[in-house]
Amino acid sequence: MARVLIVGCGCRGQALARALRARGHAVRGTTRTPERRAAIEAAGAEAWTGDPDRIATLSYALDGVTVLCWLLGSARGTPEALDALHGPRLRMLLERSIDTTVRGVLYEAAGSAGAERLAGGAETVRAACTRSEIPFALLEVDPDEHAAWLAAAVAGVEGLLEARRPAGR
């Protein structure tokens, strides 16, 4: 059983949490506001109050995590805030995941945050994960296609878990 951290555990993140729990994985989902913890817990995930704009609030959420999912492709905010979220904030969390139990990163590279911004985030993930030799996957399915998005997200997590298994297992 692997533990998966979902940063951005809104409606789609909760659907992913339910699907991963059904496959036997432990899931930890983040929320910026304590009021949303109950919805995350109802999806079967451990709720973690943390703000991706303040990466230090997420550092301990990485404890025991095998796959990190950054599901913020449809995050809202000012252009500057979204640039920071998919640039320096993402980069900082990826750097903090080095020398932890994280062995895979799934990045949501589609959504309303903007194609250019998400392409930049995808490149940040590609560069950081190549440098740290942590496998990664890009979730590029339109989040408005709920069933296809969920299937691709589950496949992305499972693919990352498979990539970390030794040959013959």
N, C-alpha and C. Protein backbone atom coordinates (compact mmCIF):
# COMPACT_ATOMS: atom_id res chain seq x y z
N MET A 1 0.85 -1.18 0.00
CA MET A 1 0.00 0.00 0.00
C MET A 1 0.89 1.24 0.00
N ALA A 2 0.57 2.16 -0.87
CA ALA A 2 1.31 3.41 -0.96
C ALA A 2 0.48 4.53 -0.35
N ARG A 3 1.17 5.58 0.06
CA ARG A 3 0.48 6.79 0.53
C ARG A 3 0.65 7.85 -0.56
N VAL A 4 -0.46 8.46 -0.93
CA VAL A 4 -0.48 9.48 -1.97
C VAL A 4 -0.90 10.80 -1.33
N LEU A 5 -0.15 11.87 -1.64
CA LEU A 5 -0.50 13.21 -1.18
C LEU A 5 -1.12 13.96 -2.34
N ILE A 6 -2.34 14.46 -2.14
CA ILE A 6 -3.02 15.26 -3.16
C ILE A 6 -3.02 16.71 -2.69
N VAL A 7 -2.22 17.53 -3.36
CA VAL A 7 -2.21 18.97 -3.09
C VAL A 7 -3.24 19.58 -4.04
N GLY A 8 -4.31 20.09 -3.46
CA GLY A 8 -5.43 20.58 -4.24
C GLY A 8 -6.52 19.53 -4.23
N CYS A 9 -7.03 19.22 -3.05
CA CYS A 9 -8.00 18.13 -2.88
C CYS A 9 -9.42 18.67 -2.86
N GLY A 10 -9.78 19.37 -3.96
CA GLY A 10 -11.15 19.83 -4.13
C GLY A 10 -12.00 18.69 -4.67
N CYS A 11 -12.99 19.00 -5.48
CA CYS A 11 -13.92 17.97 -5.98
C CYS A 11 -13.20 16.88 -6.77
N ARG A 12 -12.35 17.26 -7.72
CA ARG A 12 -11.62 16.25 -8.51
C ARG A 12 -10.62 15.51 -7.65
N GLY A 13 -9.94 16.20 -6.75
CA GLY A 13 -9.00 15.54 -5.86
C GLY A 13 -9.69 14.54 -4.95
N GLN A 14 -10.90 14.88 -4.51
CA GLN A 14 -11.66 13.95 -3.67
C GLN A 14 -12.10 12.73 -4.47
N ALA A 15 -12.46 12.92 -5.74
CA ALA A 15 -12.81 11.78 -6.59
C ALA A 15 -11.59 10.87 -6.75
N LEU A 16 -10.42 11.47 -6.94
CA LEU A 16 -9.19 10.67 -7.05
C LEU A 16 -8.91 9.96 -5.74
N ALA A 17 -9.12 10.64 -4.62
CA ALA A 17 -8.91 10.01 -3.31
C ALA A 17 -9.79 8.78 -3.15
N ARG A 18 -11.07 8.90 -3.52
CA ARG A 18 -11.97 7.75 -3.42
C ARG A 18 -11.49 6.59 -4.29
N ALA A 19 -11.07 6.90 -5.51
CA ALA A 19 -10.61 5.85 -6.43
C ALA A 19 -9.34 5.18 -5.91
N LEU A 20 -8.42 5.96 -5.37
CA LEU A 20 -7.18 5.40 -4.85
C LEU A 20 -7.43 4.59 -3.58
N ARG A 21 -8.33 5.06 -2.73
CA ARG A 21 -8.68 4.30 -1.52
C ARG A 21 -9.28 2.95 -1.92
N ALA A 22 -10.12 2.95 -2.95
CA ALA A 22 -10.73 1.70 -3.42
C ALA A 22 -9.68 0.72 -3.92
N ARG A 23 -8.53 1.23 -4.33
CA ARG A 23 -7.42 0.38 -4.79
C ARG A 23 -6.48 0.02 -3.64
N GLY A 24 -6.82 0.45 -2.43
CA GLY A 24 -6.04 0.06 -1.26
C GLY A 24 -4.96 1.03 -0.84
N HIS A 25 -4.90 2.20 -1.46
CA HIS A 25 -3.86 3.17 -1.11
C HIS A 25 -4.33 4.09 0.01
N ALA A 26 -3.40 4.54 0.82
CA ALA A 26 -3.67 5.59 1.80
C ALA A 26 -3.56 6.93 1.07
N VAL A 27 -4.41 7.85 1.41
CA VAL A 27 -4.43 9.15 0.73
C VAL A 27 -4.47 10.26 1.77
N ARG A 28 -3.68 11.28 1.52
CA ARG A 28 -3.69 12.49 2.34
C ARG A 28 -4.03 13.63 1.38
N GLY A 29 -5.06 14.40 1.70
CA GLY A 29 -5.49 15.50 0.84
C GLY A 29 -5.36 16.83 1.55
N THR A 30 -4.93 17.84 0.82
CA THR A 30 -4.72 19.15 1.43
C THR A 30 -5.89 20.09 1.13
N THR A 31 -6.08 20.99 2.06
CA THR A 31 -7.03 22.08 1.91
C THR A 31 -6.45 23.31 2.58
N ARG A 32 -6.77 24.46 2.03
CA ARG A 32 -6.30 25.72 2.63
C ARG A 32 -7.14 26.09 3.85
N THR A 33 -8.38 25.59 3.89
CA THR A 33 -9.30 26.02 4.95
C THR A 33 -9.80 24.83 5.77
N PRO A 34 -9.79 24.97 7.09
CA PRO A 34 -10.25 23.88 7.96
C PRO A 34 -11.70 23.45 7.68
N GLU A 35 -12.52 24.35 7.15
CA GLU A 35 -13.92 24.02 6.88
C GLU A 35 -14.07 22.92 5.83
N ARG A 36 -13.07 22.72 5.01
CA ARG A 36 -13.16 21.71 3.94
C ARG A 36 -12.60 20.35 4.34
N ARG A 37 -12.09 20.25 5.55
CA ARG A 37 -11.52 18.99 6.02
C ARG A 37 -12.54 17.85 6.01
N ALA A 38 -13.76 18.13 6.43
CA ALA A 38 -14.79 17.08 6.52
C ALA A 38 -15.06 16.45 5.16
N ALA A 39 -15.10 17.24 4.10
CA ALA A 39 -15.35 16.70 2.76
C ALA A 39 -14.21 15.78 2.32
N ILE A 40 -12.98 16.16 2.65
CA ILE A 40 -11.82 15.32 2.31
C ILE A 40 -11.88 14.01 3.09
N GLU A 41 -12.20 14.11 4.36
CA GLU A 41 -12.30 12.90 5.19
C GLU A 41 -13.45 12.01 4.72
N ALA A 42 -14.55 12.60 4.25
CA ALA A 42 -15.67 11.82 3.73
C ALA A 42 -15.27 11.05 2.47
N ALA A 43 -14.27 11.55 1.76
CA ALA A 43 -13.76 10.87 0.57
C ALA A 43 -12.79 9.75 0.94
N GLY A 44 -12.53 9.59 2.23
CA GLY A 44 -11.65 8.52 2.69
C GLY A 44 -10.21 8.91 2.84
N ALA A 45 -9.91 10.19 2.72
CA ALA A 45 -8.53 10.66 2.82
C ALA A 45 -8.28 11.30 4.18
N GLU A 46 -7.03 11.30 4.56
CA GLU A 46 -6.59 12.06 5.74
C GLU A 46 -6.51 13.52 5.32
N ALA A 47 -7.21 14.39 6.02
CA ALA A 47 -7.21 15.82 5.68
C ALA A 47 -6.00 16.51 6.29
N TRP A 48 -5.37 17.38 5.51
CA TRP A 48 -4.21 18.16 5.96
C TRP A 48 -4.46 19.61 5.60
N THR A 49 -4.47 20.47 6.60
CA THR A 49 -4.62 21.90 6.34
C THR A 49 -3.25 22.47 6.00
N GLY A 50 -3.12 22.91 4.76
CA GLY A 50 -1.86 23.46 4.28
C GLY A 50 -2.12 24.30 3.05
N ASP A 51 -1.29 25.29 2.84
CA ASP A 51 -1.49 26.26 1.77
C ASP A 51 -0.32 26.18 0.79
N PRO A 52 -0.58 25.82 -0.47
CA PRO A 52 0.52 25.75 -1.43
C PRO A 52 1.21 27.09 -1.69
N ASP A 53 0.61 28.17 -1.23
CA ASP A 53 1.29 29.46 -1.31
C ASP A 53 2.24 29.66 -0.14
N ARG A 54 2.17 28.76 0.84
CA ARG A 54 3.09 28.78 1.99
C ARG A 54 3.60 27.34 2.14
N ILE A 55 4.61 27.02 1.36
CA ILE A 55 5.10 25.64 1.23
C ILE A 55 5.46 25.02 2.58
N ALA A 56 5.92 25.81 3.52
CA ALA A 56 6.28 25.26 4.84
C ALA A 56 5.08 24.55 5.48
N THR A 57 3.85 24.97 5.15
CA THR A 57 2.67 24.33 5.73
C THR A 57 2.43 22.94 5.14
N LEU A 58 3.14 22.62 4.06
CA LEU A 58 2.99 21.31 3.42
C LEU A 58 4.16 20.37 3.68
N SER A 59 5.24 20.90 4.23
CA SER A 59 6.46 20.09 4.39
C SER A 59 6.20 18.78 5.13
N TYR A 60 5.53 18.84 6.27
CA TYR A 60 5.30 17.62 7.04
C TYR A 60 4.23 16.73 6.41
N ALA A 61 3.45 17.28 5.49
CA ALA A 61 2.46 16.46 4.78
C ALA A 61 3.15 15.44 3.89
N LEU A 62 4.43 15.66 3.57
CA LEU A 62 5.19 14.73 2.73
C LEU A 62 5.61 13.47 3.49
N ASP A 63 5.50 13.47 4.82
CA ASP A 63 5.95 12.32 5.62
C ASP A 63 5.25 11.04 5.18
N GLY A 64 6.04 10.05 4.80
CA GLY A 64 5.52 8.75 4.43
C GLY A 64 4.84 8.69 3.07
N VAL A 65 4.94 9.75 2.28
CA VAL A 65 4.26 9.82 0.99
C VAL A 65 5.13 9.20 -0.10
N THR A 66 4.50 8.39 -0.95
CA THR A 66 5.19 7.78 -2.08
C THR A 66 4.99 8.58 -3.36
N VAL A 67 3.76 9.06 -3.59
CA VAL A 67 3.46 9.85 -4.79
C VAL A 67 2.85 11.18 -4.38
N LEU A 68 3.40 12.25 -4.94
CA LEU A 68 2.92 13.62 -4.73
C LEU A 68 2.11 14.04 -5.95
N CYS A 69 0.85 14.41 -5.75
CA CYS A 69 -0.01 14.89 -6.84
C CYS A 69 -0.24 16.39 -6.66
N TRP A 70 0.16 17.18 -7.64
CA TRP A 70 -0.04 18.64 -7.63
C TRP A 70 -1.22 18.91 -8.56
N LEU A 71 -2.43 18.97 -8.00
CA LEU A 71 -3.66 19.09 -8.79
C LEU A 71 -4.20 20.51 -8.72
N LEU A 72 -3.44 21.44 -9.27
CA LEU A 72 -3.81 22.85 -9.19
C LEU A 72 -3.95 23.48 -10.58
N GLY A 73 -4.28 22.65 -11.57
CA GLY A 73 -4.44 23.15 -12.93
C GLY A 73 -5.60 24.11 -13.09
N SER A 74 -6.55 24.06 -12.19
CA SER A 74 -7.71 24.97 -12.24
C SER A 74 -7.76 25.89 -11.03
N ALA A 75 -6.62 26.08 -10.39
CA ALA A 75 -6.56 27.00 -9.24
C ALA A 75 -6.96 28.40 -9.70
N ARG A 76 -7.52 29.16 -8.78
CA ARG A 76 -7.94 30.53 -9.07
C ARG A 76 -7.05 31.50 -8.32
N GLY A 77 -6.94 32.69 -8.87
CA GLY A 77 -6.17 33.74 -8.23
C GLY A 77 -5.72 34.76 -9.25
N THR A 78 -4.95 35.72 -8.79
CA THR A 78 -4.41 36.72 -9.70
C THR A 78 -3.37 36.05 -10.60
N PRO A 79 -3.09 36.65 -11.75
CA PRO A 79 -2.05 36.07 -12.61
C PRO A 79 -0.72 35.90 -11.87
N GLU A 80 -0.38 36.86 -11.03
CA GLU A 80 0.87 36.78 -10.28
C GLU A 80 0.86 35.60 -9.31
N ALA A 81 -0.27 35.42 -8.62
CA ALA A 81 -0.39 34.31 -7.66
C ALA A 81 -0.33 32.97 -8.37
N LEU A 82 -0.99 32.86 -9.52
CA LEU A 82 -0.95 31.60 -10.28
C LEU A 82 0.44 31.33 -10.84
N ASP A 83 1.12 32.39 -11.29
CA ASP A 83 2.50 32.22 -11.76
C ASP A 83 3.38 31.68 -10.63
N ALA A 84 3.21 32.21 -9.43
CA ALA A 84 4.01 31.76 -8.28
C ALA A 84 3.67 30.31 -7.93
N LEU A 85 2.38 29.98 -7.98
CA LEU A 85 1.93 28.63 -7.62
C LEU A 85 2.53 27.57 -8.54
N HIS A 86 2.57 27.86 -9.83
CA HIS A 86 3.08 26.90 -10.82
C HIS A 86 4.55 27.13 -11.16
N GLY A 87 5.18 28.04 -10.45
CA GLY A 87 6.60 28.31 -10.65
C GLY A 87 7.37 28.10 -9.37
N PRO A 88 7.70 29.19 -8.66
CA PRO A 88 8.54 29.06 -7.47
C PRO A 88 7.96 28.20 -6.35
N ARG A 89 6.64 28.23 -6.14
CA ARG A 89 6.06 27.41 -5.06
C ARG A 89 6.19 25.92 -5.39
N LEU A 90 5.85 25.58 -6.61
CA LEU A 90 5.98 24.20 -7.07
C LEU A 90 7.43 23.74 -6.99
N ARG A 91 8.32 24.57 -7.49
CA ARG A 91 9.76 24.24 -7.45
C ARG A 91 10.23 24.02 -6.01
N MET A 92 9.77 24.86 -5.10
CA MET A 92 10.18 24.74 -3.70
C MET A 92 9.71 23.41 -3.10
N LEU A 93 8.45 23.02 -3.38
CA LEU A 93 7.96 21.75 -2.84
C LEU A 93 8.71 20.57 -3.45
N LEU A 94 9.01 20.66 -4.73
CA LEU A 94 9.78 19.58 -5.37
C LEU A 94 11.16 19.46 -4.74
N GLU A 95 11.78 20.59 -4.45
CA GLU A 95 13.10 20.56 -3.79
C GLU A 95 12.99 19.95 -2.39
N ARG A 96 11.91 20.26 -1.69
CA ARG A 96 11.72 19.70 -0.34
C ARG A 96 11.41 18.21 -0.37
N SER A 97 10.94 17.72 -1.50
CA SER A 97 10.61 16.30 -1.60
C SER A 97 11.85 15.42 -1.80
N ILE A 98 12.97 16.04 -2.15
CA ILE A 98 14.22 15.28 -2.27
C ILE A 98 14.61 14.77 -0.89
N ASP A 99 15.14 13.58 -0.84
CA ASP A 99 15.54 12.93 0.42
C ASP A 99 14.35 12.69 1.33
N THR A 100 13.18 12.48 0.75
CA THR A 100 11.99 12.04 1.48
C THR A 100 11.59 10.70 0.88
N THR A 101 10.43 10.21 1.27
CA THR A 101 9.93 8.95 0.72
C THR A 101 9.23 9.14 -0.63
N VAL A 102 9.11 10.38 -1.12
CA VAL A 102 8.44 10.64 -2.40
C VAL A 102 9.23 10.00 -3.52
N ARG A 103 8.54 9.15 -4.30
CA ARG A 103 9.17 8.43 -5.41
C ARG A 103 8.44 8.64 -6.72
N GLY A 104 7.54 9.63 -6.75
CA GLY A 104 6.82 9.93 -7.98
C GLY A 104 6.04 11.22 -7.82
N VAL A 105 5.91 11.96 -8.93
CA VAL A 105 5.18 13.24 -8.94
C VAL A 105 4.21 13.23 -10.11
N LEU A 106 2.94 13.52 -9.82
CA LEU A 106 1.92 13.70 -10.85
C LEU A 106 1.54 15.17 -10.86
N TYR A 107 1.71 15.82 -12.02
CA TYR A 107 1.43 17.25 -12.16
C TYR A 107 0.24 17.44 -13.10
N GLU A 108 -0.78 18.16 -12.63
CA GLU A 108 -1.94 18.47 -13.48
C GLU A 108 -1.56 19.60 -14.43
N ALA A 109 -1.36 19.24 -15.70
CA ALA A 109 -0.89 20.18 -16.71
C ALA A 109 -2.01 20.66 -17.62
N ALA A 110 -3.24 20.53 -17.18
CA ALA A 110 -4.40 21.01 -17.94
C ALA A 110 -5.35 21.67 -16.95
N GLY A 111 -6.11 22.63 -17.46
CA GLY A 111 -7.08 23.31 -16.60
C GLY A 111 -7.18 24.77 -16.94
N SER A 112 -7.93 25.48 -16.14
CA SER A 112 -8.25 26.88 -16.42
C SER A 112 -7.15 27.86 -15.99
N ALA A 113 -6.07 27.39 -15.39
CA ALA A 113 -5.01 28.29 -14.94
C ALA A 113 -4.21 28.88 -16.10
N GLY A 114 -4.42 28.37 -17.31
CA GLY A 114 -3.75 28.92 -18.48
C GLY A 114 -2.71 27.97 -19.06
N ALA A 115 -2.82 27.74 -20.37
CA ALA A 115 -1.95 26.77 -21.04
C ALA A 115 -0.47 27.11 -20.90
N GLU A 116 -0.11 28.37 -21.10
CA GLU A 116 1.30 28.75 -21.01
C GLU A 116 1.85 28.56 -19.60
N ARG A 117 1.07 28.95 -18.62
CA ARG A 117 1.47 28.81 -17.21
C ARG A 117 1.63 27.33 -16.86
N LEU A 118 0.69 26.49 -17.28
CA LEU A 118 0.75 25.06 -16.98
C LEU A 118 1.89 24.39 -17.73
N ALA A 119 2.18 24.85 -18.94
CA ALA A 119 3.34 24.32 -19.66
C ALA A 119 4.63 24.67 -18.91
N GLY A 120 4.69 25.86 -18.34
CA GLY A 120 5.84 26.24 -17.53
C GLY A 120 5.96 25.37 -16.29
N GLY A 121 4.82 25.09 -15.65
CA GLY A 121 4.83 24.20 -14.49
C GLY A 121 5.28 22.80 -14.86
N ALA A 122 4.81 22.32 -16.02
CA ALA A 122 5.22 20.99 -16.49
C ALA A 122 6.72 20.95 -16.72
N GLU A 123 7.27 22.02 -17.26
CA GLU A 123 8.72 22.07 -17.48
C GLU A 123 9.46 22.12 -16.14
N THR A 124 8.92 22.83 -15.16
CA THR A 124 9.51 22.86 -13.82
C THR A 124 9.57 21.45 -13.24
N VAL A 125 8.47 20.71 -13.37
CA VAL A 125 8.43 19.32 -12.88
C VAL A 125 9.44 18.46 -13.63
N ARG A 126 9.43 18.58 -14.95
CA ARG A 126 10.34 17.78 -15.78
C ARG A 126 11.79 18.03 -15.36
N ALA A 127 12.17 19.29 -15.21
CA ALA A 127 13.56 19.62 -14.86
C ALA A 127 13.91 19.14 -13.45
N ALA A 128 13.04 19.42 -12.48
CA ALA A 128 13.34 19.05 -11.09
C ALA A 128 13.38 17.54 -10.92
N CYS A 129 12.45 16.84 -11.54
CA CYS A 129 12.40 15.39 -11.38
C CYS A 129 13.53 14.70 -12.14
N THR A 130 13.92 15.25 -13.27
CA THR A 130 15.07 14.69 -13.99
C THR A 130 16.32 14.86 -13.15
N ARG A 131 16.49 16.03 -12.57
CA ARG A 131 17.66 16.31 -11.74
C ARG A 131 17.70 15.40 -10.51
N SER A 132 16.55 15.16 -9.88
CA SER A 132 16.50 14.36 -8.65
C SER A 132 16.25 12.88 -8.92
N GLU A 133 16.06 12.53 -10.19
CA GLU A 133 15.80 11.15 -10.60
C GLU A 133 14.53 10.58 -9.97
N ILE A 134 13.53 11.43 -9.81
CA ILE A 134 12.21 11.01 -9.32
C ILE A 134 11.29 10.91 -10.54
N PRO A 135 10.67 9.76 -10.77
CA PRO A 135 9.74 9.65 -11.90
C PRO A 135 8.60 10.65 -11.78
N PHE A 136 8.09 11.08 -12.93
CA PHE A 136 6.97 12.02 -12.94
C PHE A 136 6.03 11.67 -14.08
N ALA A 137 4.81 12.16 -13.97
CA ALA A 137 3.82 12.03 -15.03
C ALA A 137 3.06 13.34 -15.11
N LEU A 138 2.65 13.68 -16.32
CA LEU A 138 1.85 14.88 -16.55
C LEU A 138 0.41 14.47 -16.82
N LEU A 139 -0.51 15.06 -16.10
CA LEU A 139 -1.94 14.82 -16.27
C LEU A 139 -2.45 15.89 -17.22
N GLU A 140 -2.62 15.52 -18.49
CA GLU A 140 -2.93 16.49 -19.53
C GLU A 140 -4.35 16.39 -20.07
N VAL A 141 -5.20 15.66 -19.38
CA VAL A 141 -6.60 15.50 -19.79
C VAL A 141 -7.40 16.70 -19.29
N ASP A 142 -8.29 17.21 -20.14
CA ASP A 142 -9.15 18.33 -19.76
C ASP A 142 -9.94 17.96 -18.50
N PRO A 143 -9.80 18.74 -17.43
CA PRO A 143 -10.51 18.41 -16.19
C PRO A 143 -12.03 18.48 -16.31
N ASP A 144 -12.55 19.13 -17.36
CA ASP A 144 -14.00 19.15 -17.56
C ASP A 144 -14.52 17.79 -18.06
N GLU A 145 -13.62 16.96 -18.55
CA GLU A 145 -13.97 15.59 -18.96
C GLU A 145 -13.75 14.69 -17.75
N HIS A 146 -14.69 14.74 -16.80
CA HIS A 146 -14.50 14.15 -15.47
C HIS A 146 -14.07 12.69 -15.49
N ALA A 147 -14.77 11.85 -16.22
CA ALA A 147 -14.44 10.41 -16.23
C ALA A 147 -13.07 10.17 -16.84
N ALA A 148 -12.78 10.84 -17.95
CA ALA A 148 -11.47 10.67 -18.59
C ALA A 148 -10.36 11.22 -17.70
N TRP A 149 -10.62 12.35 -17.06
CA TRP A 149 -9.62 12.93 -16.15
C TRP A 149 -9.31 11.97 -15.02
N LEU A 150 -10.36 11.43 -14.38
CA LEU A 150 -10.16 10.52 -13.25
C LEU A 150 -9.41 9.27 -13.68
N ALA A 151 -9.78 8.71 -14.81
CA ALA A 151 -9.09 7.51 -15.31
C ALA A 151 -7.61 7.81 -15.56
N ALA A 152 -7.32 8.97 -16.15
CA ALA A 152 -5.93 9.34 -16.42
C ALA A 152 -5.17 9.61 -15.13
N ALA A 153 -5.82 10.22 -14.15
CA ALA A 153 -5.16 10.49 -12.87
C ALA A 153 -4.82 9.19 -12.15
N VAL A 154 -5.76 8.26 -12.10
CA VAL A 154 -5.50 6.96 -11.46
C VAL A 154 -4.38 6.25 -12.21
N ALA A 155 -4.44 6.25 -13.54
CA ALA A 155 -3.39 5.60 -14.33
C ALA A 155 -2.04 6.26 -14.09
N GLY A 156 -2.03 7.58 -13.94
CA GLY A 156 -0.77 8.28 -13.67
C GLY A 156 -0.17 7.86 -12.34
N VAL A 157 -0.99 7.81 -11.30
CA VAL A 157 -0.49 7.39 -9.98
C VAL A 157 -0.02 5.94 -10.04
N GLU A 158 -0.84 5.07 -10.61
CA GLU A 158 -0.47 3.65 -10.68
C GLU A 158 0.80 3.45 -11.52
N GLY A 159 0.94 4.22 -12.59
CA GLY A 159 2.15 4.13 -13.41
C GLY A 159 3.39 4.54 -12.63
N LEU A 160 3.27 5.58 -11.83
CA LEU A 160 4.40 6.02 -11.00
C LEU A 160 4.73 4.97 -9.95
N LEU A 161 3.72 4.34 -9.38
CA LEU A 161 3.98 3.28 -8.40
C LEU A 161 4.63 2.08 -9.07
N GLU A 162 4.20 1.76 -10.27
CA GLU A 162 4.79 0.64 -11.00
C GLU A 162 6.25 0.95 -11.35
N ALA A 163 6.54 2.20 -11.68
CA ALA A 163 7.90 2.59 -12.06
C ALA A 163 8.88 2.41 -10.91
N ARG A 164 8.40 2.47 -9.68
CA ARG A 164 9.31 2.37 -8.54
C ARG A 164 9.49 0.93 -8.07
N ARG A 165 8.70 -0.01 -8.61
CA ARG A 165 8.82 -1.41 -8.19
C ARG A 165 10.02 -2.06 -8.86
N PRO A 166 10.77 -2.84 -8.13
CA PRO A 166 11.88 -3.57 -8.74
C PRO A 166 11.36 -4.55 -9.79
N ALA A 167 12.18 -4.82 -10.79
CA ALA A 167 11.81 -5.78 -11.83
C ALA A 167 11.48 -7.13 -11.20
N GLY A 168 10.48 -7.80 -11.77
CA GLY A 168 10.11 -9.12 -11.28
C GLY A 168 9.09 -9.10 -10.16
N ARG A 169 8.61 -7.95 -9.77
CA ARG A 169 7.59 -7.89 -8.69
C ARG A 169 6.25 -7.50 -9.24
